Amino acid sequence: ALVGDNIVDRSERTPWYGGPSLLELLETLEPE
């Protein structure tokens, strides 16, 4: 949260993580 890794944009410092950023996931989830 301090630096901004994987919050809005995917971070190059976590190449081992292949999932979405937090905002990308929030934009695709649907209310149940």
PDB file of all heavy atoms in Angstrom:
ATOM      1  N   ALA A   1       0.819  -1.202   0.000  1.00  0.00           N
ATOM      2  CA  ALA A   1       0.000   0.000   0.000  1.00  0.00           C
ATOM      3  C   ALA A   1       0.856   1.256   0.000  1.00  0.00           C
ATOM      4  O   ALA A   1       0.499   2.267  -0.600  1.00  0.00           O
ATOM      5  CB  ALA A   1      -0.936  -0.011   1.212  1.00  0.00           C
ATOM      6  N   LEU A   2       2.000   1.194   0.669  1.00  0.00           N
ATOM      7  CA  LEU A   2       2.875   2.360   0.764  1.00  0.00           C
ATOM      8  C   LEU A   2       3.486   2.709  -0.588  1.00  0.00           C
ATOM      9  O   LEU A   2       3.508   3.869  -0.995  1.00  0.00           O
ATOM     10  CB  LEU A   2       3.977   2.121   1.787  1.00  0.00           C
ATOM     11  CG  LEU A   2       4.921   3.289   2.061  1.00  0.00           C
ATOM     12  CD1 LEU A   2       4.159   4.466   2.667  1.00  0.00           C
ATOM     13  CD2 LEU A   2       6.056   2.854   2.975  1.00  0.00           C
ATOM     14  N   VAL A   3       3.962   1.712  -1.299  1.00  0.00           N
ATOM     15  CA  VAL A   3       4.634   1.933  -2.575  1.00  0.00           C
ATOM     16  C   VAL A   3       3.658   1.920  -3.750  1.00  0.00           C
ATOM     17  O   VAL A   3       3.843   2.619  -4.742  1.00  0.00           O
ATOM     18  CB  VAL A   3       5.740   0.882  -2.784  1.00  0.00           C
ATOM     19  CG1 VAL A   3       6.468   1.107  -4.104  1.00  0.00           C
ATOM     20  CG2 VAL A   3       6.735   0.919  -1.621  1.00  0.00           C
ATOM     21  N   GLY A   4       2.610   1.097  -3.634  1.00  0.00           N
ATOM     22  CA  GLY A   4       1.621   1.024  -4.698  1.00  0.00           C
ATOM     23  C   GLY A   4       1.654  -0.244  -5.523  1.00  0.00           C
ATOM     24  O   GLY A   4       0.942  -0.346  -6.530  1.00  0.00           O
ATOM     25  N   ASP A   5       2.423  -1.242  -5.115  1.00  0.00           N
ATOM     26  CA  ASP A   5       2.511  -2.484  -5.877  1.00  0.00           C
ATOM     27  C   ASP A   5       1.178  -3.212  -5.908  1.00  0.00           C
ATOM     28  O   ASP A   5       0.580  -3.496  -4.857  1.00  0.00           O
ATOM     29  CB  ASP A   5       3.577  -3.409  -5.269  1.00  0.00           C
ATOM     30  CG  ASP A   5       4.969  -2.821  -5.358  1.00  0.00           C
ATOM     31  OD1 ASP A   5       5.480  -2.693  -6.475  1.00  0.00           O
ATOM     32  OD2 ASP A   5       5.531  -2.493  -4.293  1.00  0.00           O
ATOM     33  N   ASN A   6       0.703  -3.528  -7.114  1.00  0.00           N
ATOM     34  CA  ASN A   6      -0.508  -4.324  -7.347  1.00  0.00           C
ATOM     35  C   ASN A   6      -1.777  -3.715  -6.749  1.00  0.00           C
ATOM     36  O   ASN A   6      -2.730  -4.443  -6.458  1.00  0.00           O
ATOM     37  CB  ASN A   6      -0.322  -5.761  -6.821  1.00  0.00           C
ATOM     38  CG  ASN A   6       0.720  -6.538  -7.589  1.00  0.00           C
ATOM     39  OD1 ASN A   6       0.871  -6.386  -8.792  1.00  0.00           O
ATOM     40  ND2 ASN A   6       1.473  -7.373  -6.877  1.00  0.00           N
ATOM     41  N   ILE A   7      -1.786  -2.417  -6.563  1.00  0.00           N
ATOM     42  CA  ILE A   7      -2.999  -1.743  -6.095  1.00  0.00           C
ATOM     43  C   ILE A   7      -3.874  -1.365  -7.290  1.00  0.00           C
ATOM     44  O   ILE A   7      -4.988  -1.852  -7.429  1.00  0.00           O
ATOM     45  CB  ILE A   7      -2.674  -0.503  -5.243  1.00  0.00           C
ATOM     46  CG1 ILE A   7      -1.814  -0.881  -4.043  1.00  0.00           C
ATOM     47  CG2 ILE A   7      -3.970   0.167  -4.780  1.00  0.00           C
ATOM     48  CD1 ILE A   7      -2.475  -1.825  -3.070  1.00  0.00           C
ATOM     49  N   VAL A   8      -3.373  -0.510  -8.141  1.00  0.00           N
ATOM     50  CA  VAL A   8      -4.084  -0.135  -9.362  1.00  0.00           C
ATOM     51  C   VAL A   8      -3.471  -0.841 -10.569  1.00  0.00           C
ATOM     52  O   VAL A   8      -4.174  -1.398 -11.409  1.00  0.00           O
ATOM     53  CB  VAL A   8      -4.080   1.394  -9.559  1.00  0.00           C
ATOM     54  CG1 VAL A   8      -4.636   1.756 -10.933  1.00  0.00           C
ATOM     55  CG2 VAL A   8      -4.922   2.053  -8.460  1.00  0.00           C
ATOM     56  N   ASP A   9      -2.149  -0.801 -10.644  1.00  0.00           N
ATOM     57  CA  ASP A   9      -1.428  -1.444 -11.747  1.00  0.00           C
ATOM     58  C   ASP A   9      -0.649  -2.645 -11.230  1.00  0.00           C
ATOM     59  O   ASP A   9      -0.209  -2.680 -10.081  1.00  0.00           O
ATOM     60  CB  ASP A   9      -0.478  -0.450 -12.419  1.00  0.00           C
ATOM     61  CG  ASP A   9      -1.204   0.762 -12.997  1.00  0.00           C
ATOM     62  OD1 ASP A   9      -2.223   0.551 -13.683  1.00  0.00           O
ATOM     63  OD2 ASP A   9      -0.755   1.899 -12.739  1.00  0.00           O
ATOM     64  N   ARG A  10      -0.452  -3.635 -12.088  1.00  0.00           N
ATOM     65  CA  ARG A  10       0.347  -4.792 -11.723  1.00  0.00           C
ATOM     66  C   ARG A  10       1.814  -4.387 -11.575  1.00  0.00           C
ATOM     67  O   ARG A  10       2.338  -3.598 -12.361  1.00  0.00           O
ATOM     68  CB  ARG A  10       0.197  -5.894 -12.768  1.00  0.00           C
ATOM     69  CG  ARG A  10      -1.249  -6.331 -12.973  1.00  0.00           C
ATOM     70  CD  ARG A  10      -1.359  -7.478 -13.935  1.00  0.00           C
ATOM     71  NE  ARG A  10      -2.735  -7.653 -14.382  1.00  0.00           N
ATOM     72  CZ  ARG A  10      -3.156  -8.655 -15.138  1.00  0.00           C
ATOM     73  NH1 ARG A  10      -2.286  -9.585 -15.535  1.00  0.00           N
ATOM     74  NH2 ARG A  10      -4.419  -8.728 -15.506  1.00  0.00           N
ATOM     75  N   SER A  11       2.464  -4.963 -10.587  1.00  0.00           N
ATOM     76  CA  SER A  11       3.826  -4.577 -10.255  1.00  0.00           C
ATOM     77  C   SER A  11       4.841  -5.468 -10.963  1.00  0.00           C
ATOM     78  O   SER A  11       4.702  -6.696 -10.990  1.00  0.00           O
ATOM     79  CB  SER A  11       4.048  -4.657  -8.745  1.00  0.00           C
ATOM     80  OG  SER A  11       5.407  -4.415  -8.414  1.00  0.00           O
ATOM     81  N   GLU A  12       5.904  -4.835 -11.484  1.00  0.00           N
ATOM     82  CA  GLU A  12       7.005  -5.583 -12.080  1.00  0.00           C
ATOM     83  C   GLU A  12       7.877  -6.224 -11.018  1.00  0.00           C
ATOM     84  O   GLU A  12       8.694  -7.091 -11.330  1.00  0.00           O
ATOM     85  CB  GLU A  12       7.841  -4.656 -12.958  1.00  0.00           C
ATOM     86  CG  GLU A  12       7.085  -4.085 -14.154  1.00  0.00           C
ATOM     87  CD  GLU A  12       7.949  -3.166 -14.995  1.00  0.00           C
ATOM     88  OE1 GLU A  12       9.103  -2.886 -14.566  1.00  0.00           O
ATOM     89  OE2 GLU A  12       7.485  -2.718 -16.075  1.00  0.00           O
ATOM     90  N   ARG A  13       7.685  -5.805  -9.744  1.00  0.00           N
ATOM     91  CA  ARG A  13       8.515  -6.354  -8.672  1.00  0.00           C
ATOM     92  C   ARG A  13       7.977  -7.673  -8.127  1.00  0.00           C
ATOM     93  O   ARG A  13       8.575  -8.266  -7.232  1.00  0.00           O
ATOM     94  CB  ARG A  13       8.658  -5.320  -7.557  1.00  0.00           C
ATOM     95  CG  ARG A  13       9.514  -4.116  -7.944  1.00  0.00           C
ATOM     96  CD  ARG A  13       9.677  -3.161  -6.787  1.00  0.00           C
ATOM     97  NE  ARG A  13       8.490  -2.350  -6.585  1.00  0.00           N
ATOM     98  CZ  ARG A  13       8.363  -1.086  -6.942  1.00  0.00           C
ATOM     99  NH1 ARG A  13       9.371  -0.496  -7.563  1.00  0.00           N
ATOM    100  NH2 ARG A  13       7.257  -0.385  -6.711  1.00  0.00           N
ATOM    101  N   THR A  14       6.821  -8.120  -8.636  1.00  0.00           N
ATOM    102  CA  THR A  14       6.273  -9.429  -8.259  1.00  0.00           C
ATOM    103  C   THR A  14       6.042 -10.256  -9.524  1.00  0.00           C
ATOM    104  O   THR A  14       4.894 -10.620  -9.842  1.00  0.00           O
ATOM    105  CB  THR A  14       4.959  -9.280  -7.469  1.00  0.00           C
ATOM    106  OG1 THR A  14       4.026  -8.495  -8.251  1.00  0.00           O
ATOM    107  CG2 THR A  14       5.206  -8.616  -6.126  1.00  0.00           C
ATOM    108  N   PRO A  15       7.108 -10.595 -10.257  1.00  0.00           N
ATOM    109  CA  PRO A  15       6.932 -11.337 -11.504  1.00  0.00           C
ATOM    110  C   PRO A  15       6.352 -12.726 -11.294  1.00  0.00           C
ATOM    111  O   PRO A  15       5.797 -13.314 -12.227  1.00  0.00           O
ATOM    112  CB  PRO A  15       8.353 -11.399 -12.076  1.00  0.00           C
ATOM    113  CG  PRO A  15       9.248 -11.279 -10.879  1.00  0.00           C
ATOM    114  CD  PRO A  15       8.530 -10.337  -9.959  1.00  0.00           C
ATOM    115  N   TRP A  16       6.474 -13.245 -10.075  1.00  0.00           N
ATOM    116  CA  TRP A  16       5.946 -14.575  -9.758  1.00  0.00           C
ATOM    117  C   TRP A  16       4.432 -14.572  -9.549  1.00  0.00           C
ATOM    118  O   TRP A  16       3.812 -15.630  -9.426  1.00  0.00           O
ATOM    119  CB  TRP A  16       6.623 -15.115  -8.502  1.00  0.00           C
ATOM    120  CG  TRP A  16       6.854 -14.083  -7.438  1.00  0.00           C
ATOM    121  CD1 TRP A  16       8.006 -13.368  -7.238  1.00  0.00           C
ATOM    122  CD2 TRP A  16       5.917 -13.634  -6.441  1.00  0.00           C
ATOM    123  NE1 TRP A  16       7.849 -12.506  -6.167  1.00  0.00           N
ATOM    124  CE2 TRP A  16       6.564 -12.655  -5.661  1.00  0.00           C
ATOM    125  CE3 TRP A  16       4.607 -13.964  -6.129  1.00  0.00           C
ATOM    126  CZ2 TRP A  16       5.962 -12.003  -4.595  1.00  0.00           C
ATOM    127  CZ3 TRP A  16       3.979 -13.328  -5.077  1.00  0.00           C
ATOM    128  CH2 TRP A  16       4.655 -12.362  -4.328  1.00  0.00           C
ATOM    129  N   TYR A  17       3.827 -13.380  -9.481  1.00  0.00           N
ATOM    130  CA  TYR A  17       2.374 -13.267  -9.312  1.00  0.00           C
ATOM    131  C   TYR A  17       1.731 -12.991 -10.666  1.00  0.00           C
ATOM    132  O   TYR A  17       2.025 -11.988 -11.307  1.00  0.00           O
ATOM    133  CB  TYR A  17       2.038 -12.162  -8.312  1.00  0.00           C
ATOM    134  CG  TYR A  17       0.558 -11.857  -8.225  1.00  0.00           C
ATOM    135  CD1 TYR A  17      -0.322 -12.765  -7.654  1.00  0.00           C
ATOM    136  CD2 TYR A  17       0.043 -10.655  -8.722  1.00  0.00           C
ATOM    137  CE1 TYR A  17      -1.683 -12.490  -7.577  1.00  0.00           C
ATOM    138  CE2 TYR A  17      -1.312 -10.377  -8.639  1.00  0.00           C
ATOM    139  CZ  TYR A  17      -2.172 -11.294  -8.080  1.00  0.00           C
ATOM    140  OH  TYR A  17      -3.521 -11.016  -8.017  1.00  0.00           O
ATOM    141  N   GLY A  18       0.848 -13.872 -11.087  1.00  0.00           N
ATOM    142  CA  GLY A  18       0.226 -13.730 -12.392  1.00  0.00           C
ATOM    143  C   GLY A  18      -1.212 -13.265 -12.380  1.00  0.00           C
ATOM    144  O   GLY A  18      -1.869 -13.240 -13.426  1.00  0.00           O
ATOM    145  N   GLY A  19      -1.727 -12.874 -11.208  1.00  0.00           N
ATOM    146  CA  GLY A  19      -3.121 -12.476 -11.096  1.00  0.00           C
ATOM    147  C   GLY A  19      -3.332 -10.992 -11.332  1.00  0.00           C
ATOM    148  O   GLY A  19      -2.407 -10.244 -11.663  1.00  0.00           O
ATOM    149  N   PRO A  20      -4.570 -10.518 -11.154  1.00  0.00           N
ATOM    150  CA  PRO A  20      -4.896  -9.107 -11.389  1.00  0.00           C
ATOM    151  C   PRO A  20      -4.459  -8.222 -10.229  1.00  0.00           C
ATOM    152  O   PRO A  20      -4.172  -8.695  -9.122  1.00  0.00           O
ATOM    153  CB  PRO A  20      -6.422  -9.123 -11.509  1.00  0.00           C
ATOM    154  CG  PRO A  20      -6.830 -10.266 -10.611  1.00  0.00           C
ATOM    155  CD  PRO A  20      -5.752 -11.306 -10.750  1.00  0.00           C
ATOM    156  N   SER A  21      -4.401  -6.922 -10.487  1.00  0.00           N
ATOM    157  CA  SER A  21      -4.214  -5.962  -9.399  1.00  0.00           C
ATOM    158  C   SER A  21      -5.513  -5.868  -8.608  1.00  0.00           C
ATOM    159  O   SER A  21      -6.559  -6.384  -9.009  1.00  0.00           O
ATOM    160  CB  SER A  21      -3.827  -4.593  -9.950  1.00  0.00           C
ATOM    161  OG  SER A  21      -4.932  -3.999 -10.632  1.00  0.00           O
ATOM    162  N   LEU A  22      -5.446  -5.188  -7.470  1.00  0.00           N
ATOM    163  CA  LEU A  22      -6.628  -5.046  -6.632  1.00  0.00           C
ATOM    164  C   LEU A  22      -7.756  -4.342  -7.384  1.00  0.00           C
ATOM    165  O   LEU A  22      -8.903  -4.810  -7.373  1.00  0.00           O
ATOM    166  CB  LEU A  22      -6.275  -4.270  -5.356  1.00  0.00           C
ATOM    167  CG  LEU A  22      -7.446  -3.946  -4.416  1.00  0.00           C
ATOM    168  CD1 LEU A  22      -8.112  -5.213  -3.916  1.00  0.00           C
ATOM    169  CD2 LEU A  22      -6.963  -3.081  -3.245  1.00  0.00           C
ATOM    170  N   LEU A  23      -7.458  -3.230  -8.040  1.00  0.00           N
ATOM    171  CA  LEU A  23      -8.499  -2.494  -8.748  1.00  0.00           C
ATOM    172  C   LEU A  23      -9.038  -3.293  -9.929  1.00  0.00           C
ATOM    173  O   LEU A  23     -10.256  -3.276 -10.184  1.00  0.00           O
ATOM    174  CB  LEU A  23      -7.975  -1.137  -9.229  1.00  0.00           C
ATOM    175  CG  LEU A  23      -9.019  -0.237  -9.903  1.00  0.00           C
ATOM    176  CD1 LEU A  23     -10.164   0.091  -8.949  1.00  0.00           C
ATOM    177  CD2 LEU A  23      -8.381   1.058 -10.414  1.00  0.00           C
ATOM    178  N   GLU A  24      -8.182  -3.995 -10.638  1.00  0.00           N
ATOM    179  CA  GLU A  24      -8.644  -4.820 -11.757  1.00  0.00           C
ATOM    180  C   GLU A  24      -9.643  -5.865 -11.274  1.00  0.00           C
ATOM    181  O   GLU A  24     -10.663  -6.115 -11.928  1.00  0.00           O
ATOM    182  CB  GLU A  24      -7.462  -5.496 -12.441  1.00  0.00           C
ATOM    183  CG  GLU A  24      -6.587  -4.558 -13.267  1.00  0.00           C
ATOM    184  CD  GLU A  24      -5.359  -5.260 -13.813  1.00  0.00           C
ATOM    185  OE1 GLU A  24      -4.965  -6.326 -13.273  1.00  0.00           O
ATOM    186  OE2 GLU A  24      -4.760  -4.734 -14.775  1.00  0.00           O
ATOM    187  N   LEU A  25      -9.364  -6.473 -10.137  1.00  0.00           N
ATOM    188  CA  LEU A  25     -10.282  -7.475  -9.599  1.00  0.00           C
ATOM    189  C   LEU A  25     -11.590  -6.838  -9.144  1.00  0.00           C
ATOM    190  O   LEU A  25     -12.673  -7.369  -9.417  1.00  0.00           O
ATOM    191  CB  LEU A  25      -9.623  -8.207  -8.432  1.00  0.00           C
ATOM    192  CG  LEU A  25     -10.422  -9.353  -7.799  1.00  0.00           C
ATOM    193  CD1 LEU A  25     -10.822 -10.396  -8.842  1.00  0.00           C
ATOM    194  CD2 LEU A  25      -9.630  -9.996  -6.667  1.00  0.00           C
ATOM    195  N   LEU A  26     -11.512  -5.683  -8.483  1.00  0.00           N
ATOM    196  CA  LEU A  26     -12.714  -4.996  -8.024  1.00  0.00           C
ATOM    197  C   LEU A  26     -13.604  -4.581  -9.190  1.00  0.00           C
ATOM    198  O   LEU A  26     -14.822  -4.534  -9.066  1.00  0.00           O
ATOM    199  CB  LEU A  26     -12.340  -3.768  -7.187  1.00  0.00           C
ATOM    200  CG  LEU A  26     -11.710  -4.040  -5.821  1.00  0.00           C
ATOM    201  CD1 LEU A  26     -11.258  -2.740  -5.171  1.00  0.00           C
ATOM    202  CD2 LEU A  26     -12.699  -4.767  -4.911  1.00  0.00           C
ATOM    203  N   GLU A  27     -13.002  -4.276 -10.324  1.00  0.00           N
ATOM    204  CA  GLU A  27     -13.789  -3.855 -11.487  1.00  0.00           C
ATOM    205  C   GLU A  27     -14.520  -5.014 -12.166  1.00  0.00           C
ATOM    206  O   GLU A  27     -15.436  -4.778 -12.960  1.00  0.00           O
ATOM    207  CB  GLU A  27     -12.891  -3.156 -12.503  1.00  0.00           C
ATOM    208  CG  GLU A  27     -12.436  -1.762 -12.074  1.00  0.00           C
ATOM    209  CD  GLU A  27     -11.589  -1.087 -13.124  1.00  0.00           C
ATOM    210  OE1 GLU A  27     -10.822  -1.806 -13.832  1.00  0.00           O
ATOM    211  OE2 GLU A  27     -11.655   0.144 -13.257  1.00  0.00           O
ATOM    212  N   THR A  28     -14.144  -6.244 -11.843  1.00  0.00           N
ATOM    213  CA  THR A  28     -14.759  -7.394 -12.514  1.00  0.00           C
ATOM    214  C   THR A  28     -15.691  -8.193 -11.613  1.00  0.00           C
ATOM    215  O   THR A  28     -16.517  -8.952 -12.125  1.00  0.00           O
ATOM    216  CB  THR A  28     -13.679  -8.338 -13.060  1.00  0.00           C
ATOM    217  OG1 THR A  28     -12.827  -8.779 -11.990  1.00  0.00           O
ATOM    218  CG2 THR A  28     -12.838  -7.632 -14.111  1.00  0.00           C
ATOM    219  N   LEU A  29     -15.587  -8.048 -10.292  1.00  0.00           N
ATOM    220  CA  LEU A  29     -16.451  -8.790  -9.391  1.00  0.00           C
ATOM    221  C   LEU A  29     -17.883  -8.279  -9.480  1.00  0.00           C
ATOM    222  O   LEU A  29     -18.130  -7.088  -9.640  1.00  0.00           O
ATOM    223  CB  LEU A  29     -15.958  -8.683  -7.948  1.00  0.00           C
ATOM    224  CG  LEU A  29     -14.652  -9.404  -7.610  1.00  0.00           C
ATOM    225  CD1 LEU A  29     -14.264  -9.114  -6.162  1.00  0.00           C
ATOM    226  CD2 LEU A  29     -14.783 -10.904  -7.836  1.00  0.00           C
ATOM    227  N   GLU A  30     -18.833  -9.193  -9.352  1.00  0.00           N
ATOM    228  CA  GLU A  30     -20.234  -8.835  -9.412  1.00  0.00           C
ATOM    229  C   GLU A  30     -20.897  -9.065  -8.060  1.00  0.00           C
ATOM    230  O   GLU A  30     -20.589 -10.051  -7.375  1.00  0.00           O
ATOM    231  CB  GLU A  30     -20.965  -9.658 -10.475  1.00  0.00           C
ATOM    232  CG  GLU A  30     -20.502  -9.363 -11.896  1.00  0.00           C
ATOM    233  CD  GLU A  30     -20.851  -7.944 -12.339  1.00  0.00           C
ATOM    234  OE1 GLU A  30     -21.752  -7.320 -11.719  1.00  0.00           O
ATOM    235  OE2 GLU A  30     -20.240  -7.455 -13.302  1.00  0.00           O
ATOM    236  N   PRO A  31     -21.813  -8.155  -7.664  1.00  0.00           N
ATOM    237  CA  PRO A  31     -22.561  -8.390  -6.436  1.00  0.00           C
ATOM    238  C   PRO A  31     -23.358  -9.685  -6.535  1.00  0.00           C
ATOM    239  O   PRO A  31     -23.978  -9.963  -7.560  1.00  0.00           O
ATOM    240  CB  PRO A  31     -23.472  -7.163  -6.332  1.00  0.00           C
ATOM    241  CG  PRO A  31     -22.853  -6.136  -7.220  1.00  0.00           C
ATOM    242  CD  PRO A  31     -22.188  -6.887  -8.319  1.00  0.00           C
ATOM    243  N   GLU A  32     -23.350 -10.465  -5.469  1.00  0.00           N
ATOM    244  CA  GLU A  32     -24.073 -11.727  -5.472  1.00  0.00           C
ATOM    245  C   GLU A  32     -25.562 -11.525  -5.241  1.00  0.00           C
ATOM    246  O   GLU A  32     -26.402 -12.158  -5.865  1.00  0.00           O
ATOM    247  CB  GLU A  32     -23.517 -12.662  -4.396  1.00  0.00           C
ATOM    248  CG  GLU A  32     -24.157 -14.041  -4.376  1.00  0.00           C
ATOM    249  CD  GLU A  32     -23.587 -14.911  -3.285  1.00  0.00           C
ATOM    250  OE1 GLU A  32     -23.930 -14.697  -2.121  1.00  0.00           O
ATOM    251  OE2 GLU A  32     -22.788 -15.797  -3.604  1.00  0.00           O
TER     252      GLU A  32
END
